[in-house]
Every structure is written in structure tokens, then in C-alpha cells.
Amino acid sequence: MLFEPPIDEIAERIGNVYTATIIIGARAKELESKIPTLLNGSSNLAIEYACKEVHSGKVVAEKVK
């Protein structure tokens, strides 16, 4: 399955693939717990929403000191 936007674009925006994957996974989990009716039980849909949010800048990484 291909997601739009591509992970390469998201990783470029975030800085690296590892960080992008962690952020997307965390946001997808959050979406699954907060709005399950929107997702209709599909974890892939949660990942797509999370990818779109990260790519658009709605969800950003915060550096920890």
C-alpha cells in the first residue's frame, strides 16, 4: 500500500526517517484512541491521517533537551 504523501517527503521535512516514523506512529495511536468512529477500525487510515498531518505541518516534532 502506498501512502500519500510519500515517507521520503515527510522524512525530508522532519530531518530523518527514524524520527518521522516515530512521530507518525505516535500520532496514529493517538488518532485511534481519540476518534475511532472516523477511522472505522482501520489502522492504515490512522497512519494516512497522521502522515498528512505531519506533512502539512499540523503535527511537529519538539526537540527534547
PDB file of N, CA and C in Angstrom:
ATOM      1  N   MET A   1       0.844  -1.181   0.000  1.00  0.00           N
ATOM      2  CA  MET A   1       0.000   0.000   0.000  1.00  0.00           C
ATOM      3  C   MET A   1       0.886   1.240   0.000  1.00  0.00           C
ATOM      4  N   LEU A   2       0.563   2.176  -0.837  1.00  0.00           N
ATOM      5  CA  LEU A   2       1.303   3.433  -0.909  1.00  0.00           C
ATOM      6  C   LEU A   2       0.503   4.525  -0.213  1.00  0.00           C
ATOM      7  N   PHE A   3       1.205   5.304   0.572  1.00  0.00           N
ATOM      8  CA  PHE A   3       0.558   6.407   1.270  1.00  0.00           C
ATOM      9  C   PHE A   3       0.907   7.703   0.567  1.00  0.00           C
ATOM     10  N   GLU A   4      -0.006   8.611   0.637  1.00  0.00           N
ATOM     11  CA  GLU A   4       0.210   9.945   0.099  1.00  0.00           C
ATOM     12  C   GLU A   4       0.162  10.894   1.274  1.00  0.00           C
ATOM     13  N   PRO A   5       1.124  11.636   1.565  1.00  0.00           N
ATOM     14  CA  PRO A   5       2.375  11.903   0.870  1.00  0.00           C
ATOM     15  C   PRO A   5       3.413  10.803   1.147  1.00  0.00           C
ATOM     16  N   PRO A   6       4.389  10.665   0.268  1.00  0.00           N
ATOM     17  CA  PRO A   6       5.425   9.651   0.446  1.00  0.00           C
ATOM     18  C   PRO A   6       6.272   9.904   1.692  1.00  0.00           C
ATOM     19  N   ILE A   7       6.711   8.824   2.323  1.00  0.00           N
ATOM     20  CA  ILE A   7       7.514   8.919   3.541  1.00  0.00           C
ATOM     21  C   ILE A   7       8.813   9.694   3.297  1.00  0.00           C
ATOM     22  N   ASP A   8       9.341   9.634   2.075  1.00  0.00           N
ATOM     23  CA  ASP A   8      10.573  10.373   1.774  1.00  0.00           C
ATOM     24  C   ASP A   8      10.381  11.875   1.946  1.00  0.00           C
ATOM     25  N   GLU A   9       9.236  12.374   1.502  1.00  0.00           N
ATOM     26  CA  GLU A   9       8.960  13.807   1.649  1.00  0.00           C
ATOM     27  C   GLU A   9       8.786  14.184   3.116  1.00  0.00           C
ATOM     28  N   ILE A  10       8.126  13.311   3.859  1.00  0.00           N
ATOM     29  CA  ILE A  10       7.920  13.577   5.282  1.00  0.00           C
ATOM     30  C   ILE A  10       9.261  13.547   6.012  1.00  0.00           C
ATOM     31  N   ALA A  11      10.089  12.557   5.700  1.00  0.00           N
ATOM     32  CA  ALA A  11      11.402  12.443   6.345  1.00  0.00           C
ATOM     33  C   ALA A  11      12.271  13.657   6.036  1.00  0.00           C
ATOM     34  N   GLU A  12      12.186  14.144   4.825  1.00  0.00           N
ATOM     35  CA  GLU A  12      12.961  15.328   4.442  1.00  0.00           C
ATOM     36  C   GLU A  12      12.507  16.543   5.258  1.00  0.00           C
ATOM     37  N   ARG A  13      11.206  16.655   5.463  1.00  0.00           N
ATOM     38  CA  ARG A  13      10.648  17.771   6.224  1.00  0.00           C
ATOM     39  C   ARG A  13      11.044  17.682   7.705  1.00  0.00           C
ATOM     40  N   ILE A  14      11.021  16.461   8.260  1.00  0.00           N
ATOM     41  CA  ILE A  14      11.320  16.248   9.677  1.00  0.00           C
ATOM     42  C   ILE A  14      12.820  16.245   9.943  1.00  0.00           C
ATOM     43  N   GLY A  15      13.592  15.649   9.045  1.00  0.00           N
ATOM     44  CA  GLY A  15      15.039  15.591   9.247  1.00  0.00           C
ATOM     45  C   GLY A  15      15.615  14.212   9.026  1.00  0.00           C
ATOM     46  N   ASN A  16      14.861  13.168   9.399  1.00  0.00           N
ATOM     47  CA  ASN A  16      15.302  11.804   9.116  1.00  0.00           C
ATOM     48  C   ASN A  16      14.125  10.834   9.196  1.00  0.00           C
ATOM     49  N   VAL A  17      14.312   9.658   8.622  1.00  0.00           N
ATOM     50  CA  VAL A  17      13.235   8.677   8.521  1.00  0.00           C
ATOM     51  C   VAL A  17      12.838   8.138   9.893  1.00  0.00           C
ATOM     52  N   TYR A  18      13.814   7.891  10.748  1.00  0.00           N
ATOM     53  CA  TYR A  18      13.525   7.338  12.074  1.00  0.00           C
ATOM     54  C   TYR A  18      12.588   8.257  12.859  1.00  0.00           C
ATOM     55  N   THR A  19      12.924   9.519  12.947  1.00  0.00           N
ATOM     56  CA  THR A  19      12.098  10.476  13.688  1.00  0.00           C
ATOM     57  C   THR A  19      10.709  10.597  13.072  1.00  0.00           C
ATOM     58  N   ALA A  20      10.649  10.636  11.747  1.00  0.00           N
ATOM     59  CA  ALA A  20       9.358  10.728  11.066  1.00  0.00           C
ATOM     60  C   ALA A  20       8.489   9.517  11.386  1.00  0.00           C
ATOM     61  N   THR A  21       9.078   8.342  11.405  1.00  0.00           N
ATOM     62  CA  THR A  21       8.334   7.119  11.694  1.00  0.00           C
ATOM     63  C   THR A  21       7.797   7.122  13.125  1.00  0.00           C
ATOM     64  N   ILE A  22       8.604   7.567  14.054  1.00  0.00           N
ATOM     65  CA  ILE A  22       8.183   7.631  15.459  1.00  0.00           C
ATOM     66  C   ILE A  22       7.022   8.617  15.619  1.00  0.00           C
ATOM     67  N   ILE A  23       7.129   9.776  15.002  1.00  0.00           N
ATOM     68  CA  ILE A  23       6.078  10.797  15.109  1.00  0.00           C
ATOM     69  C   ILE A  23       4.780  10.297  14.480  1.00  0.00           C
ATOM     70  N   ILE A  24       4.877   9.711  13.305  1.00  0.00           N
ATOM     71  CA  ILE A  24       3.686   9.204  12.614  1.00  0.00           C
ATOM     72  C   ILE A  24       3.027   8.094  13.428  1.00  0.00           C
ATOM     73  N   GLY A  25       3.825   7.187  13.965  1.00  0.00           N
ATOM     74  CA  GLY A  25       3.274   6.098  14.773  1.00  0.00           C
ATOM     75  C   GLY A  25       2.569   6.597  16.024  1.00  0.00           C
ATOM     76  N   ALA A  26       3.187   7.554  16.696  1.00  0.00           N
ATOM     77  CA  ALA A  26       2.593   8.110  17.913  1.00  0.00           C
ATOM     78  C   ALA A  26       1.286   8.835  17.597  1.00  0.00           C
ATOM     79  N   ARG A  27       1.288   9.602  16.533  1.00  0.00           N
ATOM     80  CA  ARG A  27       0.073  10.334  16.158  1.00  0.00           C
ATOM     81  C   ARG A  27      -1.031   9.380  15.719  1.00  0.00           C
ATOM     82  N   ALA A  28      -0.677   8.317  15.002  1.00  0.00           N
ATOM     83  CA  ALA A  28      -1.670   7.335  14.569  1.00  0.00           C
ATOM     84  C   ALA A  28      -2.322   6.658  15.776  1.00  0.00           C
ATOM     85  N   LYS A  29      -1.533   6.315  16.789  1.00  0.00           N
ATOM     86  CA  LYS A  29      -2.076   5.725  18.014  1.00  0.00           C
ATOM     87  C   LYS A  29      -3.032   6.689  18.702  1.00  0.00           C
ATOM     88  N   GLU A  30      -2.631   7.953  18.742  1.00  0.00           N
ATOM     89  CA  GLU A  30      -3.465   8.977  19.358  1.00  0.00           C
ATOM     90  C   GLU A  30      -4.799   9.104  18.607  1.00  0.00           C
ATOM     91  N   LEU A  31      -4.741   9.111  17.293  1.00  0.00           N
ATOM     92  CA  LEU A  31      -5.960   9.198  16.484  1.00  0.00           C
ATOM     93  C   LEU A  31      -6.870   7.993  16.713  1.00  0.00           C
ATOM     94  N   GLU A  32      -6.280   6.796  16.785  1.00  0.00           N
ATOM     95  CA  GLU A  32      -7.066   5.589  17.007  1.00  0.00           C
ATOM     96  C   GLU A  32      -7.814   5.627  18.335  1.00  0.00           C
ATOM     97  N   SER A  33      -7.206   6.217  19.352  1.00  0.00           N
ATOM     98  CA  SER A  33      -7.853   6.260  20.659  1.00  0.00           C
ATOM     99  C   SER A  33      -8.853   7.409  20.783  1.00  0.00           C
ATOM    100  N   LYS A  34      -8.618   8.496  20.060  1.00  0.00           N
ATOM    101  CA  LYS A  34      -9.478   9.669  20.212  1.00  0.00           C
ATOM    102  C   LYS A  34     -10.666   9.702  19.257  1.00  0.00           C
ATOM    103  N   ILE A  35     -10.492   9.204  18.037  1.00  0.00           N
ATOM    104  CA  ILE A  35     -11.583   9.291  17.064  1.00  0.00           C
ATOM    105  C   ILE A  35     -11.774   7.974  16.317  1.00  0.00           C
ATOM    106  N   PRO A  36     -12.093   6.898  17.031  1.00  0.00           N
ATOM    107  CA  PRO A  36     -12.235   5.599  16.377  1.00  0.00           C
ATOM    108  C   PRO A  36     -13.380   5.545  15.372  1.00  0.00           C
ATOM    109  N   THR A  37     -14.433   6.344  15.553  1.00  0.00           N
ATOM    110  CA  THR A  37     -15.551   6.304  14.619  1.00  0.00           C
ATOM    111  C   THR A  37     -15.161   6.851  13.252  1.00  0.00           C
ATOM    112  N   LEU A  38     -14.270   7.817  13.215  1.00  0.00           N
ATOM    113  CA  LEU A  38     -13.796   8.369  11.945  1.00  0.00           C
ATOM    114  C   LEU A  38     -12.975   7.340  11.171  1.00  0.00           C
ATOM    115  N   LEU A  39     -12.232   6.525  11.893  1.00  0.00           N
ATOM    116  CA  LEU A  39     -11.319   5.582  11.260  1.00  0.00           C
ATOM    117  C   LEU A  39     -11.966   4.246  10.920  1.00  0.00           C
ATOM    118  N   ASN A  40     -13.134   3.964  11.452  1.00  0.00           N
ATOM    119  CA  ASN A  40     -13.854   2.713  11.188  1.00  0.00           C
ATOM    120  C   ASN A  40     -12.989   1.480  11.444  1.00  0.00           C
ATOM    121  N   GLY A  41     -12.161   1.514  12.479  1.00  0.00           N
ATOM    122  CA  GLY A  41     -11.342   0.374  12.852  1.00  0.00           C
ATOM    123  C   GLY A  41     -10.153   0.104  11.949  1.00  0.00           C
ATOM    124  N   SER A  42      -9.791   1.020  11.085  1.00  0.00           N
ATOM    125  CA  SER A  42      -8.674   0.816  10.165  1.00  0.00           C
ATOM    126  C   SER A  42      -7.421   1.514  10.667  1.00  0.00           C
ATOM    127  N   SER A  43      -6.404   0.728  11.031  1.00  0.00           N
ATOM    128  CA  SER A  43      -5.158   1.335  11.491  1.00  0.00           C
ATOM    129  C   SER A  43      -4.420   1.983  10.327  1.00  0.00           C
ATOM    130  N   ASN A  44      -4.611   1.458   9.097  1.00  0.00           N
ATOM    131  CA  ASN A  44      -3.966   2.066   7.936  1.00  0.00           C
ATOM    132  C   ASN A  44      -4.495   3.480   7.699  1.00  0.00           C
ATOM    133  N   LEU A  45      -5.778   3.683   7.939  1.00  0.00           N
ATOM    134  CA  LEU A  45      -6.352   5.008   7.768  1.00  0.00           C
ATOM    135  C   LEU A  45      -5.772   5.974   8.804  1.00  0.00           C
ATOM    136  N   ALA A  46      -5.544   5.494  10.015  1.00  0.00           N
ATOM    137  CA  ALA A  46      -4.935   6.330  11.050  1.00  0.00           C
ATOM    138  C   ALA A  46      -3.534   6.752  10.626  1.00  0.00           C
ATOM    139  N   ILE A  47      -2.794   5.838  10.026  1.00  0.00           N
ATOM    140  CA  ILE A  47      -1.443   6.155   9.562  1.00  0.00           C
ATOM    141  C   ILE A  47      -1.503   7.179   8.437  1.00  0.00           C
ATOM    142  N   GLU A  48      -2.460   7.036   7.536  1.00  0.00           N
ATOM    143  CA  GLU A  48      -2.601   8.010   6.445  1.00  0.00           C
ATOM    144  C   GLU A  48      -2.908   9.405   6.992  1.00  0.00           C
ATOM    145  N   TYR A  49      -3.846   9.488   7.931  1.00  0.00           N
ATOM    146  CA  TYR A  49      -4.172  10.781   8.541  1.00  0.00           C
ATOM    147  C   TYR A  49      -2.933  11.371   9.210  1.00  0.00           C
ATOM    148  N   ALA A  50      -2.208  10.545   9.955  1.00  0.00           N
ATOM    149  CA  ALA A  50      -1.012  11.023  10.648  1.00  0.00           C
ATOM    150  C   ALA A  50       0.031  11.514   9.654  1.00  0.00           C
ATOM    151  N   CYS A  51       0.231  10.781   8.553  1.00  0.00           N
ATOM    152  CA  CYS A  51       1.189  11.207   7.519  1.00  0.00           C
ATOM    153  C   CYS A  51       0.804  12.562   6.950  1.00  0.00           C
ATOM    154  N   LYS A  52      -0.470  12.738   6.660  1.00  0.00           N
ATOM    155  CA  LYS A  52      -0.933  14.009   6.088  1.00  0.00           C
ATOM    156  C   LYS A  52      -0.745  15.153   7.074  1.00  0.00           C
ATOM    157  N   GLU A  53      -1.015  14.891   8.355  1.00  0.00           N
ATOM    158  CA  GLU A  53      -0.847  15.942   9.360  1.00  0.00           C
ATOM    159  C   GLU A  53       0.617  16.342   9.526  1.00  0.00           C
ATOM    160  N   VAL A  54       1.501  15.354   9.540  1.00  0.00           N
ATOM    161  CA  VAL A  54       2.929  15.658   9.673  1.00  0.00           C
ATOM    162  C   VAL A  54       3.432  16.395   8.439  1.00  0.00           C
ATOM    163  N   HIS A  55       3.022  15.946   7.265  1.00  0.00           N
ATOM    164  CA  HIS A  55       3.468  16.573   6.016  1.00  0.00           C
ATOM    165  C   HIS A  55       2.981  18.013   5.911  1.00  0.00           C
ATOM    166  N   SER A  56       1.748  18.271   6.359  1.00  0.00           N
ATOM    167  CA  SER A  56       1.189  19.620   6.265  1.00  0.00           C
ATOM    168  C   SER A  56       1.697  20.563   7.356  1.00  0.00           C
ATOM    169  N   GLY A  57       2.351  19.997   8.377  1.00  0.00           N
ATOM    170  CA  GLY A  57       2.870  20.836   9.450  1.00  0.00           C
ATOM    171  C   GLY A  57       1.951  20.969  10.642  1.00  0.00           C
ATOM    172  N   LYS A  58       0.819  20.272  10.640  1.00  0.00           N
ATOM    173  CA  LYS A  58      -0.105  20.324  11.779  1.00  0.00           C
ATOM    174  C   LYS A  58       0.473  19.627  13.010  1.00  0.00           C
ATOM    175  N   VAL A  59       1.292  18.606  12.755  1.00  0.00           N
ATOM    176  CA  VAL A  59       1.959  17.879  13.834  1.00  0.00           C
ATOM    177  C   VAL A  59       3.455  18.059  13.622  1.00  0.00           C
ATOM    178  N   VAL A  60       4.141  18.525  14.650  1.00  0.00           N
ATOM    179  CA  VAL A  60       5.579  18.767  14.537  1.00  0.00           C
ATOM    180  C   VAL A  60       6.325  18.083  15.678  1.00  0.00           C
ATOM    181  N   ALA A  61       7.594  17.844  15.443  1.00  0.00           N
ATOM    182  CA  ALA A  61       8.454  17.258  16.470  1.00  0.00           C
ATOM    183  C   ALA A  61       9.017  18.372  17.336  1.00  0.00           C
ATOM    184  N   GLU A  62       9.091  18.107  18.608  1.00  0.00           N
ATOM    185  CA  GLU A  62       9.676  19.063  19.531  1.00  0.00           C
ATOM    186  C   GLU A  62      10.965  18.459  20.059  1.00  0.00           C
ATOM    187  N   LYS A  63      12.051  19.203  19.953  1.00  0.00           N
ATOM    188  CA  LYS A  63      13.334  18.687  20.431  1.00  0.00           C
ATOM    189  C   LYS A  63      13.360  18.647  21.938  1.00  0.00           C
ATOM    190  N   VAL A  64      13.859  17.526  22.458  1.00  0.00           N
ATOM    191  CA  VAL A  64      13.978  17.334  23.894  1.00  0.00           C
ATOM    192  C   VAL A  64      15.430  17.555  24.287  1.00  0.00           C
ATOM    193  N   LYS A  65      15.623  18.299  25.341  1.00  0.00           N
ATOM    194  CA  LYS A  65      16.996  18.599  25.780  1.00  0.00           C
ATOM    195  C   LYS A  65      17.496  17.563  26.749  1.00  0.00           C
TER     196      LYS A  65
END
